[in-house]
Amino acid sequence: MPAPSASLDTIAVGNAARVLDIAGDDAVAIRLLEMGLTPGVGLRVLGRAPFGDPLELELRGYRLSIRRAEALRVAVEPA
């Protein structure tokens, strides 16, 4: 049975996940896709600021920081 999906903001620092989907079809969703958060890509959460915003991710060989509100729109499964 596959692991249930969660939003990216729930993944703990140091853990890995795989992107399942990006919610919405507005400019923010398109920008997340352009930054490499496409379905199937693996990532690792490297850190988060003291109040949880922004999150630092490692994916596709580079580091990316996104806001918590953006991370809420990224459906992932733990890796």
N, C-alpha and C. Protein backbone atom coordinates (compact mmCIF):
# COMPACT_ATOMS: atom_id res chain seq x y z
N MET A 1 0.85 -1.19 0.00
CA MET A 1 0.00 0.00 0.00
C MET A 1 0.89 1.24 0.00
N PRO A 2 0.67 2.19 -0.93
CA PRO A 2 1.51 3.39 -0.98
C PRO A 2 1.27 4.29 0.21
N ALA A 3 2.30 5.05 0.56
CA ALA A 3 2.18 6.00 1.66
C ALA A 3 1.19 7.10 1.28
N PRO A 4 0.41 7.57 2.25
CA PRO A 4 -0.54 8.65 1.94
C PRO A 4 0.20 9.93 1.61
N SER A 5 -0.43 10.76 0.78
CA SER A 5 0.21 12.02 0.40
C SER A 5 0.03 13.05 1.50
N ALA A 6 0.92 14.02 1.51
CA ALA A 6 0.89 15.13 2.46
C ALA A 6 1.36 16.36 1.71
N SER A 7 1.24 17.52 2.34
CA SER A 7 1.78 18.71 1.70
C SER A 7 3.24 18.86 2.10
N LEU A 8 4.00 19.51 1.26
CA LEU A 8 5.45 19.65 1.45
C LEU A 8 5.79 20.29 2.77
N ASP A 9 4.97 21.19 3.28
CA ASP A 9 5.29 21.88 4.54
C ASP A 9 5.28 20.94 5.75
N THR A 10 4.75 19.72 5.61
CA THR A 10 4.70 18.78 6.73
C THR A 10 5.93 17.87 6.80
N ILE A 11 6.79 17.90 5.79
CA ILE A 11 7.97 17.04 5.76
C ILE A 11 9.04 17.64 6.68
N ALA A 12 9.56 16.83 7.57
CA ALA A 12 10.55 17.31 8.55
C ALA A 12 11.90 17.57 7.89
N VAL A 13 12.65 18.46 8.51
CA VAL A 13 14.00 18.78 8.03
C VAL A 13 14.84 17.51 8.02
N GLY A 14 15.56 17.29 6.93
CA GLY A 14 16.40 16.13 6.77
C GLY A 14 15.72 14.97 6.06
N ASN A 15 14.41 15.02 5.92
CA ASN A 15 13.68 13.94 5.27
C ASN A 15 13.51 14.19 3.78
N ALA A 16 13.32 13.11 3.05
CA ALA A 16 13.14 13.18 1.60
C ALA A 16 11.69 12.89 1.25
N ALA A 17 11.30 13.35 0.07
CA ALA A 17 9.93 13.14 -0.42
C ALA A 17 9.95 13.15 -1.94
N ARG A 18 8.82 12.75 -2.52
CA ARG A 18 8.66 12.78 -3.98
C ARG A 18 7.41 13.58 -4.28
N VAL A 19 7.51 14.50 -5.23
CA VAL A 19 6.40 15.37 -5.60
C VAL A 19 5.34 14.55 -6.33
N LEU A 20 4.08 14.72 -5.92
CA LEU A 20 2.96 14.06 -6.58
C LEU A 20 2.19 15.02 -7.47
N ASP A 21 1.96 16.25 -6.98
CA ASP A 21 1.12 17.19 -7.72
C ASP A 21 1.31 18.59 -7.16
N ILE A 22 0.98 19.58 -7.98
CA ILE A 22 0.93 20.98 -7.57
C ILE A 22 -0.52 21.42 -7.68
N ALA A 23 -1.08 21.94 -6.60
CA ALA A 23 -2.48 22.36 -6.60
C ALA A 23 -2.64 23.69 -7.32
N GLY A 24 -3.67 23.77 -8.15
CA GLY A 24 -4.00 25.02 -8.83
C GLY A 24 -3.42 25.11 -10.23
N ASP A 25 -3.86 26.14 -10.94
CA ASP A 25 -3.36 26.40 -12.29
C ASP A 25 -3.10 27.89 -12.49
N ASP A 26 -2.82 28.58 -11.40
CA ASP A 26 -2.54 30.01 -11.47
C ASP A 26 -1.04 30.25 -11.66
N ALA A 27 -0.63 31.49 -11.60
CA ALA A 27 0.76 31.86 -11.84
C ALA A 27 1.71 31.23 -10.82
N VAL A 28 1.28 31.12 -9.57
CA VAL A 28 2.14 30.53 -8.54
C VAL A 28 2.39 29.05 -8.84
N ALA A 29 1.35 28.32 -9.20
CA ALA A 29 1.50 26.90 -9.53
C ALA A 29 2.43 26.71 -10.73
N ILE A 30 2.26 27.54 -11.72
CA ILE A 30 3.11 27.44 -12.91
C ILE A 30 4.56 27.76 -12.55
N ARG A 31 4.77 28.75 -11.71
CA ARG A 31 6.13 29.11 -11.30
C ARG A 31 6.78 27.97 -10.51
N LEU A 32 6.04 27.30 -9.64
CA LEU A 32 6.58 26.16 -8.90
C LEU A 32 7.02 25.05 -9.87
N LEU A 33 6.22 24.82 -10.89
CA LEU A 33 6.58 23.83 -11.90
C LEU A 33 7.84 24.25 -12.65
N GLU A 34 7.92 25.53 -12.99
CA GLU A 34 9.10 26.05 -13.70
C GLU A 34 10.37 25.94 -12.86
N MET A 35 10.23 26.01 -11.54
CA MET A 35 11.38 25.91 -10.65
C MET A 35 11.81 24.46 -10.43
N GLY A 36 11.10 23.52 -11.04
CA GLY A 36 11.52 22.12 -10.97
C GLY A 36 10.69 21.23 -10.09
N LEU A 37 9.67 21.75 -9.45
CA LEU A 37 8.81 20.94 -8.60
C LEU A 37 7.74 20.26 -9.46
N THR A 38 8.18 19.31 -10.26
CA THR A 38 7.28 18.60 -11.16
C THR A 38 6.97 17.22 -10.59
N PRO A 39 5.82 16.65 -10.93
CA PRO A 39 5.48 15.32 -10.43
C PRO A 39 6.57 14.29 -10.72
N GLY A 40 6.91 13.53 -9.68
CA GLY A 40 7.92 12.48 -9.81
C GLY A 40 9.30 12.88 -9.32
N VAL A 41 9.57 14.17 -9.18
CA VAL A 41 10.91 14.60 -8.77
C VAL A 41 11.10 14.35 -7.26
N GLY A 42 12.29 13.88 -6.92
CA GLY A 42 12.63 13.68 -5.52
C GLY A 42 13.27 14.94 -4.94
N LEU A 43 13.07 15.15 -3.65
CA LEU A 43 13.65 16.31 -2.98
C LEU A 43 13.96 15.97 -1.54
N ARG A 44 14.74 16.84 -0.92
CA ARG A 44 15.05 16.72 0.51
C ARG A 44 14.85 18.10 1.13
N VAL A 45 14.26 18.12 2.32
CA VAL A 45 14.09 19.37 3.06
C VAL A 45 15.37 19.60 3.85
N LEU A 46 16.09 20.67 3.51
CA LEU A 46 17.37 20.98 4.15
C LEU A 46 17.21 21.83 5.39
N GLY A 47 16.20 22.68 5.41
CA GLY A 47 16.02 23.55 6.57
C GLY A 47 14.78 24.39 6.45
N ARG A 48 14.48 25.04 7.55
CA ARG A 48 13.37 26.00 7.56
C ARG A 48 13.70 27.10 8.55
N ALA A 49 13.23 28.28 8.28
CA ALA A 49 13.48 29.43 9.14
C ALA A 49 12.78 29.21 10.49
N PRO A 50 13.16 29.98 11.51
CA PRO A 50 12.60 29.77 12.85
C PRO A 50 11.08 29.74 12.93
N PHE A 51 10.39 30.53 12.15
CA PHE A 51 8.93 30.52 12.19
C PHE A 51 8.34 29.70 11.06
N GLY A 52 9.17 28.86 10.42
CA GLY A 52 8.70 27.94 9.39
C GLY A 52 8.65 28.50 7.99
N ASP A 53 9.12 29.71 7.80
CA ASP A 53 9.01 30.34 6.48
C ASP A 53 10.28 31.12 6.19
N PRO A 54 11.03 30.85 5.17
CA PRO A 54 10.81 29.90 4.09
C PRO A 54 11.40 28.52 4.39
N LEU A 55 11.16 27.58 3.49
CA LEU A 55 11.74 26.24 3.54
C LEU A 55 12.86 26.19 2.52
N GLU A 56 13.94 25.50 2.87
CA GLU A 56 15.04 25.30 1.93
C GLU A 56 15.02 23.85 1.48
N LEU A 57 14.99 23.66 0.16
CA LEU A 57 14.90 22.33 -0.43
C LEU A 57 16.12 22.06 -1.29
N GLU A 58 16.42 20.78 -1.47
CA GLU A 58 17.41 20.37 -2.45
C GLU A 58 16.72 19.43 -3.43
N LEU A 59 16.76 19.80 -4.71
CA LEU A 59 16.17 18.98 -5.75
C LEU A 59 16.93 19.22 -7.04
N ARG A 60 16.99 18.20 -7.87
CA ARG A 60 17.64 18.31 -9.19
C ARG A 60 19.06 18.89 -9.13
N GLY A 61 19.76 18.69 -8.01
CA GLY A 61 21.13 19.15 -7.90
C GLY A 61 21.29 20.61 -7.50
N TYR A 62 20.22 21.28 -7.09
CA TYR A 62 20.35 22.67 -6.64
C TYR A 62 19.48 22.90 -5.42
N ARG A 63 19.67 24.05 -4.78
CA ARG A 63 18.89 24.42 -3.60
C ARG A 63 17.84 25.44 -3.99
N LEU A 64 16.68 25.30 -3.37
CA LEU A 64 15.54 26.17 -3.67
C LEU A 64 14.88 26.56 -2.36
N SER A 65 14.56 27.82 -2.20
CA SER A 65 13.79 28.29 -1.04
C SER A 65 12.41 28.70 -1.51
N ILE A 66 11.40 28.21 -0.80
CA ILE A 66 10.02 28.60 -1.13
C ILE A 66 9.28 28.96 0.16
N ARG A 67 8.25 29.75 0.01
CA ARG A 67 7.43 30.15 1.14
C ARG A 67 6.57 28.98 1.61
N ARG A 68 6.18 29.04 2.87
CA ARG A 68 5.33 27.99 3.44
C ARG A 68 4.00 27.92 2.69
N ALA A 69 3.44 29.07 2.31
CA ALA A 69 2.17 29.09 1.56
C ALA A 69 2.31 28.36 0.23
N GLU A 70 3.48 28.45 -0.38
CA GLU A 70 3.72 27.73 -1.63
C GLU A 70 3.89 26.24 -1.36
N ALA A 71 4.58 25.89 -0.27
CA ALA A 71 4.80 24.49 0.09
C ALA A 71 3.48 23.78 0.38
N LEU A 72 2.49 24.51 0.89
CA LEU A 72 1.17 23.92 1.16
C LEU A 72 0.51 23.41 -0.12
N ARG A 73 0.89 23.95 -1.26
CA ARG A 73 0.27 23.59 -2.53
C ARG A 73 0.95 22.39 -3.21
N VAL A 74 2.06 21.93 -2.64
CA VAL A 74 2.82 20.83 -3.23
C VAL A 74 2.48 19.54 -2.50
N ALA A 75 1.79 18.62 -3.19
CA ALA A 75 1.47 17.31 -2.62
C ALA A 75 2.66 16.39 -2.81
N VAL A 76 3.09 15.75 -1.73
CA VAL A 76 4.25 14.86 -1.78
C VAL A 76 3.94 13.55 -1.06
N GLU A 77 4.78 12.57 -1.32
CA GLU A 77 4.75 11.33 -0.53
C GLU A 77 6.14 11.17 0.06
N PRO A 78 6.23 10.77 1.32
CA PRO A 78 7.53 10.57 1.93
C PRO A 78 8.33 9.52 1.16
N ALA A 79 9.64 9.74 1.06
CA ALA A 79 10.50 8.79 0.33
C ALA A 79 11.16 7.83 1.29
